[in-house]
């Protein structure tokens, strides 16, 4: 069996991955707070975990992996939007408006992640469905001396857990010294965090031993993970921005509520996303959602196929900052067109390339796996018997899936180029049908001189595009050369 090695944030080392139970490998990824569209950075952990789950299912079996990703549907931003709609004259109750907002946002999220080729998890719990489990965990923490009630709130006593700060490498005293926030008067310690807070009549709330209220953010994931994966499970992950305080707090409350358990054995954190070398932010004007990339006009930076977004996002190792650029998207689109041309209608085999699997097993080194795909594509372009392995290997990364290919059939990054190729293809086929084989061979040689590969398959004629070259003008240059060929052959 292939040995997976993962960089564990908890130990700051790359370790052999050994599941607690190989018949049920269990993962938890912190999901979105569903108040608005997912931005591009939100997609990175989803795609990282999607590849990880594909690898685990390949190694341990598709029925031996349980993947959970939650929806946080209790949040002040959700409440604010519901209150805005109520003030605007909606006849719905506040609770109905909150449900309306979260339902539509979850539907958007599903559509966006589906467009990127991410398989849906086995479980997608909503926080509002696990309030009882959260209350029970909070009661356990109070009984164990790890939490206390104060003025309708319940707070976790950070000083009661001596390992607090180990995940992020911080000491509690240093955190307090560096804090620049006003401390609530009912807190025993500035670092204590909220497990439960009161709700007034204008906010959603649930009955509890501490009065009507709602949970704090951190308790949600601890309660849902314990309920769906057990008190100890294999892998927990998310963006590096969640390492502190969210994941640090999850560990503290989970380990104190279940002192004989380890919570998550392995912690994976992906680095953040940049756009054209700068941090993505609304103030810089470079902030966009996944849907913006998919649906905006091309001249506004949109019109990018989901498969292309996936390719670009996966091309950088998950532990390094990922820089989204328009040039990378253009290059990725050309590569995927070339690969899809080679793959044709082959559906792949059951045996992905072993070297590619080993690259993925080495801390999800997708960039090296993609480099290996380039090699496999070259082999497949020369040997039809190698196409199956190439396609299966690509699909282990979620690429070249049939459901993701419509964009390559319907559109092109250069409609002019596609139109010229179509003219050349039709001319070549017409010469063959007229038995003018010398002319047919001549135009075929001209196409091959540009890297195009005309073929006759059982489905008919096709022309495979060459792999893209460096630089942004390669398509325009090729189009000019094609125009000359068309003139040469009277087209």
Protein backbone atom coordinates (compact mmCIF):
# COMPACT_ATOMS: atom_id res chain seq x y z
CA UNK A 1 0.00 0.00 0.00
CA UNK A 2 1.20 3.52 -0.82
CA UNK A 3 2.40 5.39 2.26
CA UNK A 4 0.91 8.87 2.53
CA UNK A 5 2.99 11.54 4.26
CA UNK A 6 1.41 14.80 5.42
CA UNK A 7 2.79 17.93 7.06
CA UNK A 8 1.08 18.07 10.44
CA UNK A 9 0.69 21.61 11.75
CA UNK A 10 0.44 20.18 15.27
CA UNK A 11 3.97 18.74 15.15
CA UNK A 12 5.41 21.03 12.43
CA UNK A 13 6.78 17.96 10.68
CA UNK A 14 6.00 15.75 7.70
CA UNK A 15 4.77 12.43 9.08
CA UNK A 16 3.63 9.05 7.85
CA UNK A 17 -0.14 9.03 7.86
CA UNK A 18 -1.60 6.10 9.81
CA UNK A 19 -5.39 6.16 10.09
CA UNK A 20 -7.04 5.29 13.39
CA UNK A 21 -9.23 2.80 11.52
CA UNK A 22 -8.19 1.98 7.92
CA UNK A 23 -11.74 0.81 7.22
CA UNK A 24 -13.07 4.31 8.03
CA UNK A 25 -10.63 7.15 7.42
CA UNK A 26 -12.24 10.33 8.79
CA UNK A 27 -11.72 13.97 7.78
CA UNK A 28 -13.24 17.29 8.79
CA UNK A 29 -12.88 20.56 6.86
CA UNK A 30 -14.13 23.85 8.23
CA UNK A 31 -16.76 25.04 5.78
CA UNK A 32 -18.18 28.46 4.94
CA UNK A 33 -20.27 30.89 6.93
CA UNK A 34 -23.22 31.14 4.59
CA UNK A 35 -23.99 34.85 4.39
CA UNK A 36 -22.71 35.60 0.85
CA UNK A 37 -20.98 34.24 -2.24
CA UNK A 38 -17.75 32.27 -1.81
CA UNK A 39 -14.69 34.25 -2.88
CA UNK A 40 -11.79 32.62 -4.67
CA UNK A 41 -9.80 32.13 -1.47
CA UNK A 42 -12.67 30.10 0.01
CA UNK A 43 -12.23 27.58 -2.81
CA UNK A 44 -8.62 26.72 -2.03
CA UNK A 45 -9.16 24.46 1.03
CA UNK A 46 -12.10 22.83 -0.74
CA UNK A 47 -9.90 21.87 -3.71
CA UNK A 48 -7.00 20.77 -1.50
CA UNK A 49 -9.27 18.47 0.51
CA UNK A 50 -11.00 17.27 -2.66
CA UNK A 51 -7.68 15.94 -3.96
CA UNK A 52 -6.83 14.48 -0.55
CA UNK A 53 -10.15 12.64 -0.36
CA UNK A 54 -9.71 11.32 -3.92
CA UNK A 55 -6.27 10.01 -2.95
CA UNK A 56 -7.54 8.41 0.26
CA UNK A 57 -10.46 6.77 -1.54
CA UNK A 58 -8.06 5.42 -4.16
CA UNK A 59 -5.76 3.91 -1.52
CA UNK A 60 -8.22 2.78 1.18
CA UNK A 61 -11.29 2.22 -0.99
CA UNK A 62 -14.19 4.52 -1.93
CA UNK A 63 -16.40 3.20 0.88
CA UNK A 64 -13.77 3.56 3.60
CA UNK A 65 -13.47 7.33 3.82
CA UNK A 66 -15.85 9.70 5.65
CA UNK A 67 -15.56 13.36 4.75
CA UNK A 68 -17.39 16.11 6.67
CA UNK A 69 -17.56 19.82 5.78
CA UNK A 70 -19.90 22.04 7.76
CA UNK A 71 -22.05 25.09 7.08
CA UNK A 72 -22.04 27.83 9.72
CA UNK A 73 -25.58 29.20 9.54
CA UNK A 74 -25.57 31.06 12.88
CA UNK A 75 -23.77 34.36 12.39
CA UNK A 76 -24.25 38.07 12.96
CA UNK A 77 -23.82 38.85 9.24
CA UNK A 78 -26.65 36.46 8.40
CA UNK A 79 -28.78 38.10 11.07
CA UNK A 80 -27.97 41.57 9.74
CA UNK A 81 -29.05 40.62 6.21
CA UNK A 82 -32.30 39.13 7.52
CA UNK A 83 -32.98 42.28 9.52
CA UNK A 84 -32.27 44.40 6.42
CA UNK A 85 -34.81 42.42 4.41
CA UNK A 86 -37.33 42.73 7.22
CA UNK A 87 -36.84 46.49 7.34
CA UNK A 88 -37.27 46.61 3.56
CA UNK A 89 -40.81 45.29 3.98
CA UNK A 90 -40.55 41.52 3.69
CA UNK A 91 -43.66 39.79 5.07
CA UNK A 92 -41.57 36.85 6.31
CA UNK A 93 -40.60 36.43 9.94
CA UNK A 94 -36.99 36.96 11.00
CA UNK A 95 -36.50 33.20 11.35
CA UNK A 96 -37.91 32.65 7.85
CA UNK A 97 -35.68 35.35 6.42
CA UNK A 98 -32.62 33.78 8.04
CA UNK A 99 -33.56 30.41 6.53
CA UNK A 100 -34.18 32.06 3.16
CA UNK A 101 -30.74 33.68 3.19
CA UNK A 102 -28.84 30.58 4.30
CA UNK A 103 -30.69 28.31 1.86
CA UNK A 104 -29.91 30.52 -1.11
CA UNK A 105 -26.29 30.97 -0.05
CA UNK A 106 -25.79 27.21 0.38
CA UNK A 107 -27.28 26.68 -3.09
CA UNK A 108 -24.81 29.24 -4.50
CA UNK A 109 -21.94 27.53 -2.71
CA UNK A 110 -22.90 24.12 -4.05
CA UNK A 111 -23.19 25.46 -7.60
CA UNK A 112 -19.81 27.20 -7.38
CA UNK A 113 -17.90 24.25 -5.88
CA UNK A 114 -19.61 21.85 -8.31
CA UNK A 115 -18.37 24.06 -11.15
CA UNK A 116 -14.81 23.57 -9.86
CA UNK A 117 -15.23 19.80 -9.96
CA UNK A 118 -15.18 19.35 -6.17
CA UNK A 119 -17.07 16.26 -5.04
CA UNK A 120 -19.53 16.91 -2.24
CA UNK A 121 -18.65 15.58 1.21
CA UNK A 122 -20.40 12.63 2.81
CA UNK A 123 -21.91 14.97 5.43
CA UNK A 124 -22.60 18.71 5.28
CA UNK A 125 -24.03 19.54 8.70
CA UNK A 126 -25.59 22.89 9.44
CA UNK A 127 -24.78 24.40 12.82
CA UNK A 128 -28.48 24.99 13.55
CA UNK A 129 -29.07 21.22 13.35
CA UNK A 130 -26.62 20.51 16.20
CA UNK A 131 -27.57 23.04 18.88
CA UNK A 132 -28.49 20.25 21.34
CA UNK A 133 -25.04 18.67 20.95
CA UNK A 134 -23.38 22.07 21.49
CA UNK A 135 -25.36 22.68 24.67
CA UNK A 136 -24.46 19.20 25.95
CA UNK A 137 -20.75 19.80 25.28
CA UNK A 138 -20.87 23.18 27.03
CA UNK A 139 -22.51 21.56 30.08
CA UNK A 140 -19.71 18.97 30.14
CA UNK A 141 -17.09 21.73 30.04
CA UNK A 142 -18.76 23.58 32.93
CA UNK A 143 -18.99 20.37 34.98
CA UNK A 144 -15.30 19.71 34.36
CA UNK A 145 -14.25 23.18 35.50
CA UNK A 146 -13.26 24.31 32.01
CA UNK A 147 -16.05 26.83 31.45
CA UNK A 148 -18.16 29.25 33.46
CA UNK A 149 -21.43 31.16 33.10
CA UNK A 150 -21.48 34.94 33.42
CA UNK A 151 -24.23 37.44 32.58
CA UNK A 152 -26.04 35.11 30.18
CA UNK A 153 -22.77 34.08 28.52
CA UNK A 154 -20.74 30.91 28.91
CA UNK A 155 -16.99 31.26 28.42
CA UNK A 156 -14.18 28.77 28.09
CA UNK A 157 -11.51 29.12 30.75
CA UNK A 158 -8.31 29.14 28.68
CA UNK A 159 -6.08 28.80 31.75
CA UNK A 160 -7.74 25.44 32.52
CA UNK A 161 -6.11 23.85 29.47
CA UNK A 162 -2.33 23.85 29.78
CA UNK A 163 -1.73 23.01 26.10
CA UNK A 164 -3.54 26.08 24.81
CA UNK A 165 -1.47 27.74 22.09
CA UNK A 166 0.49 24.62 21.06
CA UNK A 167 -1.07 24.43 17.57
CA UNK A 168 -0.20 28.04 16.71
CA UNK A 169 3.02 28.13 18.72
CA UNK A 170 1.90 30.92 21.06
CA UNK A 171 1.84 31.33 24.81
CA UNK A 172 -1.24 32.70 26.53
CA UNK A 173 0.76 35.47 28.22
CA UNK A 174 2.23 36.59 24.89
CA UNK A 175 -1.23 36.60 23.34
CA UNK A 176 -2.56 38.80 26.13
CA UNK A 177 0.42 41.17 25.86
CA UNK A 178 -0.18 41.60 22.15
CA UNK A 179 -3.93 42.04 22.36
CA UNK A 180 -5.45 45.35 21.30
CA UNK A 181 -9.10 44.66 22.06
CA UNK A 182 -11.42 45.76 24.82
CA UNK A 183 -12.04 42.95 27.30
CA UNK A 184 -15.61 42.24 28.42
CA UNK A 185 -15.96 42.84 32.16
CA UNK A 186 -17.48 39.40 32.80
CA UNK A 187 -14.38 37.56 31.53
CA UNK A 188 -12.06 36.06 34.13
CA UNK A 189 -9.16 36.19 31.67
CA UNK A 190 -8.78 38.33 28.52
CA UNK A 191 -8.19 35.20 26.39
CA UNK A 192 -11.34 33.35 27.53
CA UNK A 193 -13.65 32.84 24.56
CA UNK A 194 -17.42 32.62 24.17
CA UNK A 195 -19.20 29.27 24.03
CA UNK A 196 -22.73 30.68 24.40
CA UNK A 197 -24.13 34.21 24.23
CA UNK A 198 -27.56 35.70 24.92
CA UNK A 199 -30.04 36.62 22.15
CA UNK A 200 -32.63 39.37 22.36
CA UNK A 201 -36.02 39.19 20.63
CA UNK A 202 -34.58 40.49 17.33
CA UNK A 203 -32.04 37.69 17.05
CA UNK A 204 -32.33 33.92 16.59
CA UNK A 205 -32.03 31.98 19.81
CA UNK A 206 -32.52 28.64 21.52
CA UNK A 207 -33.46 27.78 25.08
CA UNK A 208 -30.55 26.68 27.24
CA UNK A 209 -29.64 26.35 30.94
CA UNK A 210 -28.16 29.86 30.67
CA UNK A 211 -31.18 31.49 29.07
CA UNK A 212 -32.26 32.05 25.49
CA UNK A 213 -29.21 32.45 23.31
CA UNK A 214 -27.04 31.10 20.52
CA UNK A 215 -23.67 29.34 20.31
CA UNK A 216 -20.32 30.95 19.80
CA UNK A 217 -18.52 30.14 16.57
CA UNK A 218 -15.85 27.76 17.86
CA UNK A 219 -18.10 25.28 19.67
CA UNK A 220 -19.95 24.45 16.44
CA UNK A 221 -17.20 22.46 14.74
CA UNK A 222 -16.22 20.61 17.93
CA UNK A 223 -19.79 19.41 18.49
CA UNK A 224 -20.45 18.47 14.87
CA UNK A 225 -17.11 16.68 14.43
CA UNK A 226 -17.64 14.64 17.61
CA UNK A 227 -21.16 13.68 16.56
CA UNK A 228 -20.28 12.66 12.99
CA UNK A 229 -16.68 11.45 13.25
CA UNK A 230 -16.19 10.53 16.91
CA UNK A 231 -14.18 12.05 19.73
CA UNK A 232 -10.93 11.23 17.87
CA UNK A 233 -10.55 11.26 14.10
CA UNK A 234 -7.81 11.43 11.52
CA UNK A 235 -7.51 14.79 9.74
CA UNK A 236 -8.81 18.31 10.34
CA UNK A 237 -8.08 21.18 8.01
CA UNK A 238 -8.75 24.65 6.73
CA UNK A 239 -7.02 27.84 5.71
CA UNK A 240 -4.02 29.06 7.72
CA UNK A 241 -6.17 32.00 8.86
CA UNK A 242 -8.20 29.55 10.94
CA UNK A 243 -5.21 28.17 12.84
CA UNK A 244 -5.70 30.83 15.51
CA UNK A 245 -8.03 31.33 17.17
CA UNK A 246 -10.61 28.99 15.63
CA UNK A 247 -8.66 25.74 15.49
CA UNK A 248 -6.78 26.48 18.69
CA UNK A 249 -10.09 26.92 20.46
CA UNK A 250 -11.56 23.79 18.89
CA UNK A 251 -8.70 21.73 20.28
CA UNK A 252 -9.01 23.22 23.75
CA UNK A 253 -12.75 22.69 24.16
CA UNK A 254 -12.77 19.26 22.46
CA UNK A 255 -9.87 17.85 24.46
CA UNK A 256 -11.32 19.18 27.72
CA UNK A 257 -14.78 17.78 26.93
CA UNK A 258 -13.25 14.41 25.94
CA UNK A 259 -10.03 14.15 27.97
CA UNK A 260 -9.31 10.56 26.86
CA UNK A 261 -9.47 11.48 23.16
CA UNK A 262 -7.07 13.32 20.86
CA UNK A 263 -9.62 15.17 18.70
CA UNK A 264 -7.75 15.40 15.33
CA UNK A 265 -4.49 13.51 14.86
CA UNK A 266 -3.36 15.51 11.82
CA UNK A 267 -3.92 19.21 11.12
CA UNK A 268 -3.57 20.49 7.55
CA UNK A 269 -3.52 24.20 6.76
CA UNK A 270 -3.33 25.75 3.31
CA UNK A 271 -1.69 29.12 2.75
CA UNK A 272 -3.58 32.18 1.56
CA UNK A 273 -4.42 33.42 -1.93
CA UNK A 274 -3.13 36.49 -3.75
CA UNK A 275 -4.25 38.12 -6.99
CA UNK A 276 -1.57 39.33 -9.41
CA UNK A 277 0.97 39.36 -6.56
CA UNK A 278 -1.17 41.28 -4.07
CA UNK A 279 -3.42 40.29 -1.20
CA UNK A 280 -7.01 40.03 -2.42
CA UNK A 281 -9.08 42.83 -0.92
CA UNK A 282 -12.00 45.04 -1.88
CA UNK A 283 -9.96 48.16 -1.18
CA UNK A 284 -7.44 47.16 -3.87
CA UNK A 285 -10.18 46.38 -6.36
CA UNK A 286 -8.93 42.82 -6.89
CA UNK A 287 -11.56 41.01 -4.83
CA UNK A 288 -13.80 38.59 -6.70
CA UNK A 289 -15.96 35.60 -6.06
CA UNK A 290 -15.82 32.22 -7.77
CA UNK A 291 -19.01 33.16 -9.60
CA UNK A 292 -17.39 36.40 -10.83
CA UNK A 293 -14.65 34.36 -12.48
CA UNK A 294 -17.15 31.96 -14.00
CA UNK A 295 -19.76 34.42 -15.26
CA UNK A 296 -18.28 37.90 -15.76
CA UNK A 297 -17.50 38.96 -19.35
CA UNK A 298 -13.99 38.02 -20.44
CA UNK A 299 -12.98 41.69 -20.71
CA UNK A 300 -13.76 42.07 -17.00
CA UNK A 301 -11.58 39.11 -16.01
CA UNK A 302 -14.34 36.49 -16.14
CA UNK A 303 -15.40 33.76 -18.49
CA UNK A 304 -12.92 31.35 -16.90
CA UNK A 305 -14.07 27.70 -17.03
CA UNK A 306 -14.31 25.89 -13.70
CA UNK A 307 -11.79 23.28 -14.80
CA UNK A 308 -9.29 26.03 -15.59
CA UNK A 309 -9.80 27.60 -12.15
CA UNK A 310 -9.21 24.19 -10.58
CA UNK A 311 -6.01 23.63 -12.58
CA UNK A 312 -4.55 27.01 -11.62
CA UNK A 313 -5.49 26.66 -7.95
CA UNK A 314 -3.92 23.20 -7.68
CA UNK A 315 -0.71 24.12 -9.52
CA UNK A 316 0.79 25.70 -6.37
CA UNK A 317 1.57 23.51 -3.35
CA UNK A 318 -1.07 23.98 -0.67
CA UNK A 319 1.47 25.14 1.93
CA UNK A 320 2.68 28.00 -0.27
CA UNK A 321 0.82 31.25 -1.04
CA UNK A 322 -1.12 30.88 -4.28
CA UNK A 323 -1.00 33.78 -6.75
CA UNK A 324 -3.94 33.94 -9.18
CA UNK A 325 -3.05 35.67 -12.45
CA UNK A 326 -4.83 36.07 -15.76
CA UNK A 327 -1.73 34.73 -17.53
CA UNK A 328 -1.82 31.51 -15.48
CA UNK A 329 -5.49 31.04 -16.38
CA UNK A 330 -4.75 31.54 -20.08
CA UNK A 331 -1.87 29.07 -19.98
CA UNK A 332 -3.98 26.53 -18.07
CA UNK A 333 -6.79 26.81 -20.60
CA UNK A 334 -4.39 26.06 -23.45
CA UNK A 335 -2.95 23.07 -21.60
CA UNK A 336 -6.37 21.62 -20.83
CA UNK A 337 -7.51 22.04 -24.45
CA UNK A 338 -4.42 20.16 -25.58
CA UNK A 339 -4.97 17.41 -23.02
CA UNK A 340 -8.65 17.04 -23.90
CA UNK A 341 -7.68 16.79 -27.54
CA UNK A 342 -5.36 13.89 -26.72
CA UNK A 343 -7.89 12.20 -24.42
CA UNK A 344 -10.65 12.28 -27.03
CA UNK A 345 -13.48 9.98 -25.97
CA UNK A 346 -11.29 7.63 -23.90
CA UNK A 347 -12.78 7.15 -20.44
CA UNK A 348 -9.60 6.06 -18.71
CA UNK A 349 -8.57 2.84 -17.05
CA UNK A 350 -8.62 1.68 -13.45
CA UNK A 351 -4.88 2.22 -12.99
CA UNK A 352 -3.57 5.77 -12.59
CA UNK A 353 0.16 6.25 -12.97
CA UNK A 354 2.09 5.01 -9.91
CA UNK A 355 4.63 7.83 -10.01
CA UNK A 356 1.84 10.41 -10.01
CA UNK A 357 0.21 8.68 -7.04
CA UNK A 358 3.51 8.78 -5.18
CA UNK A 359 3.79 12.52 -5.80
CA UNK A 360 0.31 13.04 -4.36
CA UNK A 361 1.14 10.81 -1.40
CA UNK A 362 4.13 13.05 -0.65
CA UNK A 363 2.25 15.80 1.18
CA UNK A 364 -0.16 16.38 -1.73
CA UNK A 365 2.55 17.54 -4.11
CA UNK A 366 0.05 18.35 -6.86
CA UNK A 367 2.48 20.58 -8.75
CA UNK A 368 4.80 17.60 -9.31
CA UNK A 369 1.78 15.45 -10.16
CA UNK A 370 0.79 17.98 -12.84
CA UNK A 371 4.35 17.93 -14.20
CA UNK A 372 3.99 14.16 -14.45
CA UNK A 373 0.68 14.64 -16.30
CA UNK A 374 2.55 16.65 -18.93
CA UNK A 375 4.86 13.68 -19.43
CA UNK A 376 1.94 11.27 -19.61
CA UNK A 377 0.23 13.54 -22.16
CA UNK A 378 3.32 13.45 -24.36
CA UNK A 379 3.38 9.64 -24.14
CA UNK A 380 -0.35 9.44 -24.91
CA UNK A 381 0.01 11.74 -27.92
CA UNK A 382 2.36 9.17 -29.48
CA UNK A 383 0.87 5.92 -28.21
CA UNK A 384 -2.92 5.38 -28.16
CA UNK A 385 -2.46 2.58 -25.62
CA UNK A 386 -1.15 5.15 -23.11
CA UNK A 387 -4.24 7.37 -23.28
CA UNK A 388 -6.19 5.37 -20.68
CA UNK A 389 -3.52 5.77 -18.00
CA UNK A 390 -3.19 9.46 -18.82
CA UNK A 391 -6.94 10.07 -18.43
CA UNK A 392 -7.21 8.03 -15.21
CA UNK A 393 -4.25 9.91 -13.73
CA UNK A 394 -5.78 13.27 -14.63
CA UNK A 395 -9.10 12.27 -13.09
CA UNK A 396 -7.41 11.43 -9.81
CA UNK A 397 -6.78 15.20 -9.70
CA UNK A 398 -10.34 15.98 -10.79
CA UNK A 399 -9.23 16.99 -14.30
CA UNK A 400 -10.53 15.79 -17.69
CA UNK A 401 -13.77 14.65 -16.07
CA UNK A 402 -16.57 14.24 -18.61
CA UNK A 403 -18.86 16.50 -16.57
CA UNK A 404 -16.26 19.28 -16.74
CA UNK A 405 -15.63 19.28 -20.48
CA UNK A 406 -18.43 21.28 -22.05
CA UNK A 407 -16.39 24.50 -22.03
CA UNK A 408 -13.74 22.92 -24.27
CA UNK A 409 -16.36 21.86 -26.80
CA UNK A 410 -18.32 25.10 -26.92
CA UNK A 411 -15.84 27.92 -26.51
CA UNK A 412 -12.21 28.84 -26.97
CA UNK A 413 -9.87 31.38 -25.51
CA UNK A 414 -9.47 32.43 -29.18
CA UNK A 415 -12.64 31.98 -31.30
CA UNK A 416 -10.64 33.21 -34.29
CA UNK A 417 -8.16 30.37 -33.84
CA UNK A 418 -10.90 27.76 -33.56
CA UNK A 419 -12.62 29.09 -36.69
CA UNK A 420 -9.38 28.86 -38.68
CA UNK A 421 -8.70 25.32 -37.47
CA UNK A 422 -12.22 24.37 -38.52
CA UNK A 423 -11.59 25.76 -42.02
CA UNK A 424 -8.32 23.80 -42.31
CA UNK A 425 -9.97 20.62 -41.02
CA UNK A 426 -12.88 20.92 -43.47
CA UNK A 427 -10.47 21.61 -46.33
CA UNK A 428 -8.37 18.57 -45.43
CA UNK A 429 -11.47 16.34 -45.24
CA UNK A 430 -12.82 17.68 -48.54
CA UNK A 431 -9.53 16.87 -50.31
CA UNK A 432 -9.64 13.33 -48.90
CA UNK A 433 -13.24 12.82 -49.99
CA UNK A 434 -12.36 14.06 -53.49
CA UNK A 435 -9.42 11.61 -53.47
CA UNK A 436 -7.01 14.52 -53.97
CA UNK A 437 -4.56 12.84 -51.64
CA UNK A 438 -1.55 14.93 -52.63
CA UNK A 439 -3.40 18.11 -51.59
CA UNK A 440 -4.73 16.38 -48.45
CA UNK A 441 -1.22 15.35 -47.45
CA UNK A 442 0.06 18.86 -48.20
CA UNK A 443 -2.42 20.67 -45.95
CA UNK A 444 -1.89 18.02 -43.27
CA UNK A 445 1.86 18.73 -43.35
CA UNK A 446 1.17 22.46 -43.09
CA UNK A 447 -1.02 21.90 -40.01
CA UNK A 448 1.58 19.62 -38.43
CA UNK A 449 4.23 22.30 -38.97
CA UNK A 450 2.25 24.44 -36.50
CA UNK A 451 1.98 21.63 -33.97
CA UNK A 452 -1.61 20.76 -34.91
CA UNK A 453 -2.40 17.07 -35.23
CA UNK A 454 -5.15 16.13 -37.71
CA UNK A 455 -6.63 12.67 -37.14
CA UNK A 456 -9.37 10.45 -38.50
CA UNK A 457 -11.17 8.59 -35.70
CA UNK A 458 -14.22 6.36 -35.69
CA UNK A 459 -16.25 9.47 -34.79
CA UNK A 460 -14.84 11.41 -37.73
CA UNK A 461 -12.08 13.96 -38.30
CA UNK A 462 -10.57 16.06 -35.55
CA UNK A 463 -7.59 18.34 -35.02
CA UNK A 464 -5.71 18.26 -31.73
CA UNK A 465 -4.31 21.60 -30.57
CA UNK A 466 -0.64 21.84 -29.62
CA UNK A 467 0.38 22.54 -26.04
CA UNK A 468 0.48 26.29 -25.34
CA UNK A 469 3.77 28.13 -25.42
CA UNK A 470 5.04 30.70 -22.95
CA UNK A 471 3.73 34.22 -23.38
CA UNK A 472 0.30 35.65 -24.03
CA UNK A 473 0.49 36.10 -27.84
CA UNK A 474 0.99 32.51 -28.99
CA UNK A 475 -2.62 32.12 -30.18
CA UNK A 476 -2.51 35.33 -32.20
CA UNK A 477 0.77 34.31 -33.80
CA UNK A 478 -0.62 30.90 -34.69
CA UNK A 479 -3.77 32.48 -36.15
CA UNK A 480 -1.64 34.62 -38.49
CA UNK A 481 0.23 31.56 -39.71
CA UNK A 482 -3.04 29.68 -40.21
CA UNK A 483 -4.38 32.55 -42.31
CA UNK A 484 -1.37 32.15 -44.60
CA UNK A 485 -2.04 28.41 -44.91
CA UNK A 486 -5.70 29.06 -45.72
CA UNK A 487 -4.67 31.47 -48.49
CA UNK A 488 -2.18 28.93 -49.84
CA UNK A 489 -4.96 26.38 -50.25
CA UNK A 490 -7.50 28.83 -51.65
CA UNK A 491 -9.58 29.32 -48.49
